[in-house]
Amino acid sequence: MGYRSRVIGPMHRYFWRFKLTPAGRFVVIGLLVSSIGLISVEIPTYQVFCGLLGLLMICEPIGLMFRPHLNLTGRLPEKARVDEQVTTNITVTNSSLKPAFDLMPGFFGLPKPVTLLNADHYVPSLFRGETTSLPVTLIAHRRGVYRLPPLQVHSTFPFNLMRFGGSRLPAQSITVLPRYHTLEHIDIPLSHRYQPGGILVSANTGESLEYIGNREYVPGDPARHLNFRAWARLGRPVVREFQEEYSCRVAVILDTYVPQRRGHRTKGFANLEAAVSLTAATAEVLSTGDFLIDFFAAGPNLHVFRSTGSRSSFDSVLEILAAVDVSREDPFAQVSPAVAEEMQQISTAVCIFLDWDDARRELTDRILEAGCALKVIVVRDGETTLPLEESAQIQQVHIDAITSGSLRQI
């Protein structure tokens, strides 16, 4: 019985969800309903049953006769943004001797958050050796990393009731990045901690040393630093003096703890999604300044990403945020010591919390004790577990302000 269910179940899903087109499902439902006419050949329902059955019996052999043999080249998009359409073109070549008709793209077993928008787009005909381009448009309604099934290009000829053929592109994954609205400004405190081994601003392409003044020439100074105007004015050699600047390291700490409470599951996930969006917007603003971003996700384990100061670092943060999952167990007792240790080389910490309680306050105390400047943003509608302290370091932001884009600065 177990073996039979394992075999019949997938076959039934394949036949109903993929083999049959929407029109084909309608015909099969009509066939089942009209089967009551089998009790007598004299009632009209019997003729309806015979007509629908004959339609399916004609469709199957003709479809198999013109079953296409295709070569597919192309690759589906590897990244997308929540609720944004992404389109790629697949090159389709007819490698058989027979013409192919009504060619359409399709997936069997596509993840629920991902939708194929142009499943009804088709190529009317493709003769022997001909090549065409078939667009494939996807949209995802929830962030995450999803494994896409193989893309199949099939034929619905002759009556658009069944799918035949099915040349495939290999399965691949798509990373759905969080949706966010760009912030205009972030007011964060900066500490004056010296960071040995920090990345020089002048190491970036297009950057230069900071000019701080002039001084008298010392044998061995580079000739390109001579200030000839000041030399002519003072009558002695003068060189320009520069100072190398270091980028400040800023830690962005995301809280993923949503306690398991009856009736609050949807609200808790909404808080997390808003916090993820705000984290992405914060990382974007910091990446455009002279900051290095270290990203921390406080879940069951502490996940750490250290940036290198390039645009690719921000892209990496977005990819990590796409895969961040909710934590059902309070992680702060385990991660707080690890965070405090990581803060030894950090100038400023930006904490994006989902609530304010004793565990989160203890984490911020450890950060301050480590010598870091601190900014706390609580993403939550309504009151927090503990009353928020009146401080410029702590700010509460409502979910609607984040999702609507009305929040322009923090």
Protein backbone atom coordinates (compact mmCIF):
# COMPACT_ATOMS: atom_id res chain seq x y z
CA MET A 1 0.00 0.00 0.00
CA GLY A 2 2.83 2.39 0.82
CA TYR A 3 4.60 1.72 -2.48
CA ARG A 4 1.35 2.18 -4.42
CA SER A 5 0.68 5.55 -2.76
CA ARG A 6 4.23 6.72 -3.45
CA VAL A 7 3.81 5.91 -7.14
CA ILE A 8 0.17 6.87 -7.76
CA GLY A 9 0.42 10.16 -5.85
CA PRO A 10 3.16 11.76 -8.02
CA MET A 11 1.57 10.40 -11.20
CA HIS A 12 -1.77 11.92 -10.26
CA ARG A 13 -0.17 15.29 -9.48
CA TYR A 14 1.80 15.22 -12.74
CA PHE A 15 -1.28 14.34 -14.80
CA TRP A 16 -3.58 16.91 -13.16
CA ARG A 17 -1.18 19.82 -12.58
CA PHE A 18 1.06 19.57 -15.64
CA LYS A 19 -0.11 17.09 -18.30
CA LEU A 20 -3.57 18.65 -18.52
CA THR A 21 -3.94 22.27 -19.50
CA PRO A 22 -6.67 24.38 -17.81
CA ALA A 23 -8.95 23.57 -20.74
CA GLY A 24 -8.06 19.88 -20.43
CA ARG A 25 -8.98 19.87 -16.73
CA PHE A 26 -12.34 21.38 -17.63
CA VAL A 27 -12.94 18.58 -20.19
CA VAL A 28 -11.97 15.88 -17.68
CA ILE A 29 -14.32 17.34 -15.05
CA GLY A 30 -17.09 17.42 -17.66
CA LEU A 31 -16.29 13.81 -18.54
CA LEU A 32 -16.60 12.72 -14.91
CA VAL A 33 -19.86 14.62 -14.41
CA SER A 34 -21.40 13.30 -17.62
CA SER A 35 -20.42 9.71 -16.72
CA ILE A 36 -23.78 9.43 -14.97
CA GLY A 37 -25.18 9.07 -18.50
CA LEU A 38 -23.71 5.58 -18.69
CA ILE A 39 -26.80 4.27 -16.97
CA SER A 40 -28.70 4.61 -20.25
CA VAL A 41 -27.75 5.31 -23.85
CA GLU A 42 -31.04 7.13 -24.42
CA ILE A 43 -30.41 10.19 -22.26
CA PRO A 44 -28.51 13.21 -23.75
CA THR A 45 -25.84 13.05 -21.07
CA TYR A 46 -24.56 9.83 -22.61
CA GLN A 47 -23.85 11.63 -25.90
CA VAL A 48 -21.99 14.37 -24.00
CA PHE A 49 -19.86 11.72 -22.29
CA CYS A 50 -19.05 10.03 -25.58
CA GLY A 51 -18.18 13.33 -27.24
CA LEU A 52 -15.75 14.40 -24.51
CA LEU A 53 -14.16 10.95 -24.37
CA GLY A 54 -13.74 10.93 -28.13
CA LEU A 55 -12.12 14.37 -28.00
CA LEU A 56 -9.50 13.13 -25.53
CA MET A 57 -8.92 9.93 -27.50
CA ILE A 58 -8.27 11.91 -30.68
CA CYS A 59 -6.04 14.42 -28.90
CA GLU A 60 -3.64 11.83 -27.46
CA PRO A 61 -2.43 10.06 -30.66
CA ILE A 62 -2.18 13.30 -32.66
CA GLY A 63 -0.22 14.96 -29.87
CA LEU A 64 2.17 12.01 -29.66
CA MET A 65 2.61 12.03 -33.44
CA PHE A 66 3.66 15.69 -33.43
CA ARG A 67 5.56 15.51 -30.17
CA PRO A 68 8.39 18.07 -30.51
CA HIS A 69 12.09 17.38 -30.14
CA LEU A 70 13.77 20.65 -29.18
CA ASN A 71 17.17 21.96 -28.14
CA LEU A 72 17.05 24.61 -25.43
CA THR A 73 19.81 27.04 -24.54
CA GLY A 74 19.72 29.77 -21.95
CA ARG A 75 19.68 30.25 -18.22
CA LEU A 76 17.00 31.39 -15.84
CA PRO A 77 17.67 34.45 -13.64
CA GLU A 78 19.64 33.68 -10.49
CA LYS A 79 18.39 36.70 -8.52
CA ALA A 80 15.12 38.55 -8.22
CA ARG A 81 13.53 41.12 -5.95
CA VAL A 82 10.28 40.50 -4.08
CA ASP A 83 7.25 41.40 -6.25
CA GLU A 84 9.45 42.47 -9.18
CA GLN A 85 9.26 40.70 -12.52
CA VAL A 86 12.39 39.18 -14.03
CA THR A 87 12.49 38.03 -17.64
CA THR A 88 14.98 35.91 -19.51
CA ASN A 89 14.91 34.61 -23.08
CA ILE A 90 15.32 30.92 -23.89
CA THR A 91 16.56 29.94 -27.35
CA VAL A 92 14.48 27.10 -28.80
CA THR A 93 15.61 25.10 -31.85
CA ASN A 94 13.53 22.43 -33.60
CA SER A 95 15.89 19.47 -34.05
CA SER A 96 13.31 17.03 -35.47
CA LEU A 97 12.16 16.44 -39.05
CA LYS A 98 8.58 17.34 -38.20
CA PRO A 99 7.26 20.83 -37.50
CA ALA A 100 6.38 21.73 -33.92
CA PHE A 101 3.21 23.63 -33.08
CA ASP A 102 1.93 25.61 -30.09
CA LEU A 103 5.16 25.62 -28.06
CA MET A 104 4.81 26.95 -24.49
CA PRO A 105 7.06 27.20 -21.42
CA GLY A 106 6.12 25.55 -18.15
CA PHE A 107 7.28 24.23 -14.78
CA PHE A 108 6.09 21.19 -12.88
CA GLY A 109 6.33 21.65 -9.12
CA LEU A 110 7.16 25.36 -9.03
CA PRO A 111 7.52 26.66 -5.42
CA LYS A 112 4.36 28.42 -4.27
CA PRO A 113 5.91 31.89 -3.75
CA VAL A 114 7.20 31.86 -7.37
CA THR A 115 4.85 32.32 -10.32
CA LEU A 116 5.38 31.97 -14.07
CA LEU A 117 3.55 34.97 -15.53
CA ASN A 118 3.69 34.14 -19.24
CA ALA A 119 2.65 30.49 -19.08
CA ASP A 120 0.09 31.26 -21.82
CA HIS A 121 2.66 32.71 -24.23
CA TYR A 122 3.27 30.35 -27.13
CA VAL A 123 5.07 30.02 -30.46
CA PRO A 124 2.49 29.04 -33.14
CA SER A 125 4.88 26.98 -35.26
CA LEU A 126 8.54 26.08 -35.53
CA PHE A 127 9.67 24.16 -38.60
CA ARG A 128 12.67 21.89 -39.03
CA GLY A 129 15.94 23.60 -38.08
CA GLU A 130 14.27 26.89 -37.17
CA THR A 131 15.22 28.80 -34.02
CA THR A 132 13.17 31.23 -31.96
CA SER A 133 13.38 33.06 -28.66
CA LEU A 134 10.87 32.26 -25.95
CA PRO A 135 10.55 34.74 -23.03
CA VAL A 136 10.18 33.38 -19.50
CA THR A 137 8.91 35.86 -16.88
CA LEU A 138 8.96 35.01 -13.18
CA ILE A 139 7.75 36.87 -10.12
CA ALA A 140 8.30 35.94 -6.46
CA HIS A 141 6.10 37.17 -3.62
CA ARG A 142 8.34 36.19 -0.71
CA ARG A 143 12.07 36.43 -0.12
CA GLY A 144 14.10 33.25 0.13
CA VAL A 145 16.28 30.83 -1.79
CA TYR A 146 14.16 28.51 -3.94
CA ARG A 147 15.07 25.48 -5.99
CA LEU A 148 13.32 25.78 -9.35
CA PRO A 149 12.30 22.61 -11.20
CA PRO A 150 13.56 22.08 -14.76
CA LEU A 151 12.00 24.46 -17.28
CA GLN A 152 10.06 22.49 -19.89
CA VAL A 153 9.05 23.68 -23.34
CA HIS A 154 6.14 21.56 -24.56
CA SER A 155 3.45 21.48 -27.21
CA THR A 156 -0.31 21.73 -26.62
CA PHE A 157 -1.19 20.77 -30.20
CA PRO A 158 -3.83 19.87 -31.39
CA PHE A 159 -6.63 21.11 -29.09
CA ASN A 160 -4.76 22.77 -26.20
CA LEU A 161 -5.99 20.06 -23.86
CA MET A 162 -2.76 18.22 -23.05
CA ARG A 163 0.94 18.95 -23.00
CA PHE A 164 3.29 16.82 -25.10
CA GLY A 165 7.05 16.70 -25.33
CA GLY A 166 8.96 18.54 -22.70
CA SER A 167 12.55 19.42 -23.58
CA ARG A 168 14.19 20.64 -20.40
CA LEU A 169 16.66 23.11 -19.03
CA PRO A 170 18.48 21.88 -15.90
CA ALA A 171 17.04 22.78 -12.51
CA GLN A 172 18.62 25.73 -10.73
CA SER A 173 18.10 27.99 -7.72
CA ILE A 174 16.85 31.55 -7.57
CA THR A 175 17.61 33.95 -4.73
CA VAL A 176 14.73 36.32 -4.01
CA LEU A 177 16.16 39.44 -2.39
CA PRO A 178 14.13 41.44 0.14
CA ARG A 179 12.19 44.46 -1.04
CA TYR A 180 13.14 47.76 0.57
CA HIS A 181 12.81 51.53 0.14
CA THR A 182 15.95 53.63 0.02
CA LEU A 183 16.65 55.84 3.02
CA GLU A 184 17.87 59.38 2.55
CA HIS A 185 19.91 59.62 5.73
CA ILE A 186 21.01 57.61 8.76
CA ASP A 187 22.11 59.47 11.86
CA ILE A 188 24.53 57.15 13.60
CA PRO A 189 27.01 58.03 16.37
CA LEU A 190 30.67 57.43 15.61
CA SER A 191 33.31 56.48 18.13
CA HIS A 192 36.95 57.50 17.81
CA ARG A 193 38.28 53.99 18.23
CA TYR A 194 41.46 53.26 16.32
CA GLN A 195 41.06 50.19 14.14
CA PRO A 196 44.38 48.56 13.32
CA GLY A 197 44.43 46.85 9.99
CA GLY A 198 41.44 48.81 8.72
CA ILE A 199 40.98 49.37 5.02
CA LEU A 200 42.34 52.67 3.78
CA VAL A 201 39.95 54.97 2.02
CA SER A 202 42.80 55.78 -0.38
CA ALA A 203 42.96 52.12 -1.33
CA ASN A 204 39.67 52.50 -3.21
CA THR A 205 39.72 53.44 -6.86
CA GLY A 206 39.26 57.18 -7.34
CA GLU A 207 40.04 58.08 -3.71
CA SER A 208 43.02 60.14 -2.51
CA LEU A 209 44.80 61.10 0.68
CA GLU A 210 43.35 63.86 2.85
CA TYR A 211 45.26 67.18 2.55
CA ILE A 212 45.96 68.63 6.03
CA GLY A 213 48.52 71.44 5.37
CA ASN A 214 52.11 72.34 4.42
CA ARG A 215 55.49 71.81 6.08
CA GLU A 216 59.14 72.44 5.26
CA TYR A 217 60.84 70.13 2.82
CA VAL A 218 62.82 67.21 4.29
CA PRO A 219 65.35 65.38 2.09
CA GLY A 220 63.66 62.25 0.75
CA ASP A 221 60.16 63.73 0.39
CA PRO A 222 58.52 62.91 -2.97
CA ALA A 223 58.97 65.68 -5.53
CA ARG A 224 55.30 65.45 -6.54
CA HIS A 225 54.34 66.80 -3.09
CA LEU A 226 56.25 70.08 -3.53
CA ASN A 227 54.05 73.18 -3.25
CA PHE A 228 55.72 75.54 -5.71
CA ARG A 229 53.47 78.52 -4.95
CA ALA A 230 54.25 78.36 -1.25
CA TRP A 231 57.98 77.83 -2.10
CA ALA A 232 57.98 81.01 -4.21
CA ARG A 233 56.18 82.94 -1.50
CA LEU A 234 58.37 81.80 1.42
CA GLY A 235 61.65 81.42 -0.39
CA ARG A 236 62.30 77.88 0.84
CA PRO A 237 61.07 74.42 -0.26
CA VAL A 238 57.65 73.51 1.06
CA VAL A 239 55.74 70.24 0.61
CA ARG A 240 52.10 69.39 1.00
CA GLU A 241 51.28 67.06 3.87
CA PHE A 242 48.60 64.39 3.62
CA GLN A 243 46.97 62.00 6.03
CA GLU A 244 45.69 58.54 5.28
CA GLU A 245 42.13 57.94 6.42
CA TYR A 246 40.61 54.69 7.54
CA SER A 247 37.04 53.63 6.95
CA CYS A 248 34.94 53.11 10.07
CA ARG A 249 33.61 49.63 10.71
CA VAL A 250 29.89 49.60 11.47
CA ALA A 251 28.12 46.49 12.74
CA VAL A 252 24.50 45.98 11.67
CA ILE A 253 22.85 43.47 14.02
CA LEU A 254 19.52 41.96 12.97
CA ASP A 255 17.23 40.37 15.56
CA THR A 256 15.32 37.31 14.24
CA TYR A 257 13.70 36.13 17.47
CA VAL A 258 9.92 35.77 17.19
CA PRO A 259 8.48 33.86 20.19
CA GLN A 260 5.89 31.18 19.54
CA ARG A 261 2.56 32.65 20.60
CA ARG A 262 -0.91 31.57 19.61
CA GLY A 263 -2.61 34.13 17.40
CA HIS A 264 0.54 36.23 16.88
CA ARG A 265 2.31 34.19 14.20
CA THR A 266 1.37 36.41 11.25
CA LYS A 267 2.15 39.60 13.16
CA GLY A 268 5.54 38.25 14.28
CA PHE A 269 6.52 37.38 10.72
CA ALA A 270 5.41 40.83 9.54
CA ASN A 271 7.73 42.39 12.12
CA LEU A 272 10.63 40.27 10.88
CA GLU A 273 10.00 41.05 7.21
CA ALA A 274 9.86 44.78 7.98
CA ALA A 275 13.09 44.49 9.99
CA VAL A 276 14.79 42.69 7.10
CA SER A 277 13.70 45.45 4.70
CA LEU A 278 14.99 48.13 7.06
CA THR A 279 18.29 46.26 7.45
CA ALA A 280 18.72 46.17 3.66
CA ALA A 281 18.01 49.91 3.41
CA THR A 282 20.46 50.64 6.24
CA ALA A 283 23.19 48.55 4.62
CA GLU A 284 22.64 50.35 1.31
CA VAL A 285 23.15 53.81 2.84
CA LEU A 286 26.21 52.70 4.80
CA SER A 287 27.76 51.06 1.74
CA THR A 288 27.70 54.38 -0.13
CA GLY A 289 29.72 56.13 2.60
CA ASP A 290 33.16 55.58 4.05
CA PHE A 291 31.99 52.64 6.15
CA LEU A 292 32.76 48.97 6.25
CA ILE A 293 29.71 46.89 7.15
CA ASP A 294 29.89 43.86 9.39
CA PHE A 295 26.54 42.08 9.35
CA PHE A 296 25.34 39.96 12.27
CA ALA A 297 22.17 37.83 12.30
CA ALA A 298 21.23 36.92 15.88
CA GLY A 299 19.49 33.57 15.51
CA PRO A 300 20.11 30.15 17.10
CA ASN A 301 23.71 30.68 15.99
CA LEU A 302 25.47 33.98 15.40
CA HIS A 303 25.99 34.47 11.67
CA VAL A 304 28.71 36.99 10.81
CA PHE A 305 29.58 38.58 7.47
CA ARG A 306 32.56 40.94 7.21
CA SER A 307 32.59 43.26 4.22
CA THR A 308 35.57 44.27 2.13
CA GLY A 309 34.35 47.77 1.36
CA SER A 310 33.13 47.11 -2.18
CA ARG A 311 29.70 47.17 -3.80
CA SER A 312 29.77 43.39 -3.91
CA SER A 313 29.73 43.42 -0.11
CA PHE A 314 26.30 45.06 -0.10
CA ASP A 315 25.09 42.52 -2.65
CA SER A 316 26.34 39.77 -0.36
CA VAL A 317 24.40 41.28 2.56
CA LEU A 318 21.22 41.22 0.44
CA GLU A 319 21.80 37.56 -0.40
CA ILE A 320 22.22 36.74 3.29
CA LEU A 321 19.05 38.66 4.16
CA ALA A 322 17.19 36.66 1.52
CA ALA A 323 17.97 33.46 3.41
CA VAL A 324 17.52 34.75 6.99
CA ASP A 325 14.96 32.64 8.84
CA VAL A 326 12.95 33.22 11.97
CA SER A 327 14.29 32.04 15.34
CA ARG A 328 11.76 30.48 17.73
CA GLU A 329 14.15 30.12 20.67
CA ASP A 330 15.61 33.09 22.54
CA PRO A 331 19.18 33.31 21.19
CA PHE A 332 20.51 36.25 23.16
CA ALA A 333 21.92 34.31 26.10
CA GLN A 334 24.15 32.40 23.67
CA VAL A 335 25.00 35.11 21.15
CA SER A 336 25.52 38.10 23.47
CA PRO A 337 29.04 37.06 24.60
CA ALA A 338 30.02 36.33 21.01
CA VAL A 339 28.69 39.70 19.83
CA ALA A 340 30.60 41.50 22.62
CA GLU A 341 33.80 39.79 21.53
CA GLU A 342 33.24 40.79 17.91
CA MET A 343 32.68 44.43 18.96
CA GLN A 344 36.36 44.89 19.91
CA GLN A 345 37.15 46.03 16.36
CA ILE A 346 33.88 47.88 15.67
CA SER A 347 33.30 51.64 15.84
CA THR A 348 29.51 51.71 15.83
CA ALA A 349 26.76 49.11 16.22
CA VAL A 350 23.31 49.55 14.69
CA CYS A 351 20.87 47.10 16.32
CA ILE A 352 17.56 46.40 14.57
CA PHE A 353 15.37 44.68 17.15
CA LEU A 354 11.85 43.24 17.05
CA ASP A 355 11.15 44.05 20.71
CA TRP A 356 12.77 45.60 23.77
CA ASP A 357 13.25 43.39 26.82
CA ASP A 358 15.86 42.37 29.37
CA ALA A 359 17.79 40.10 26.98
CA ARG A 360 18.09 42.76 24.29
CA ARG A 361 18.99 45.45 26.81
CA GLU A 362 21.75 43.21 28.18
CA LEU A 363 23.12 42.82 24.64
CA THR A 364 23.26 46.61 24.17
CA ASP A 365 24.98 46.99 27.55
CA ARG A 366 27.67 44.56 26.43
CA ILE A 367 28.14 46.52 23.21
CA LEU A 368 28.56 49.79 25.10
CA GLU A 369 30.99 48.15 27.53
CA ALA A 370 33.06 47.07 24.52
CA GLY A 371 33.57 50.75 23.64
CA CYS A 372 31.25 51.00 20.66
CA ALA A 373 28.86 53.78 19.83
CA LEU A 374 25.29 52.47 19.64
CA LYS A 375 22.02 53.06 17.82
CA VAL A 376 18.97 50.88 18.48
CA ILE A 377 15.93 50.69 16.19
CA VAL A 378 12.91 48.72 17.39
CA VAL A 379 10.61 47.57 14.57
CA ARG A 380 7.26 47.04 16.20
CA ASP A 381 3.67 48.26 16.25
CA GLY A 382 2.33 48.92 19.71
CA GLU A 383 4.05 48.70 23.06
CA THR A 384 7.25 46.79 23.70
CA THR A 385 7.76 44.27 26.51
CA LEU A 386 9.75 46.84 28.49
CA PRO A 387 9.11 50.57 28.12
CA LEU A 388 11.60 52.19 25.76
CA GLU A 389 14.08 54.43 27.46
CA GLU A 390 14.07 58.10 26.50
CA SER A 391 17.36 58.27 24.68
CA ALA A 392 18.66 59.50 21.35
CA GLN A 393 20.19 56.06 20.92
CA ILE A 394 16.83 54.23 20.85
CA GLN A 395 14.07 54.73 18.26
CA GLN A 396 10.86 52.82 17.54
CA VAL A 397 9.70 52.46 13.94
CA HIS A 398 6.29 51.19 12.84
CA ILE A 399 5.88 48.52 10.19
CA ASP A 400 3.68 50.61 7.90
CA ALA A 401 6.32 53.33 7.72
CA ILE A 402 8.84 50.79 6.44
CA THR A 403 6.62 48.92 3.99
CA SER A 404 5.03 52.07 2.53
CA GLY A 405 8.35 53.87 2.06
CA SER A 406 7.30 56.87 4.13
CA LEU A 407 10.30 56.34 6.43
CA ARG A 408 13.04 58.45 4.83
CA GLN A 409 15.57 58.73 7.63
CA ILE A 410 16.43 57.12 10.94
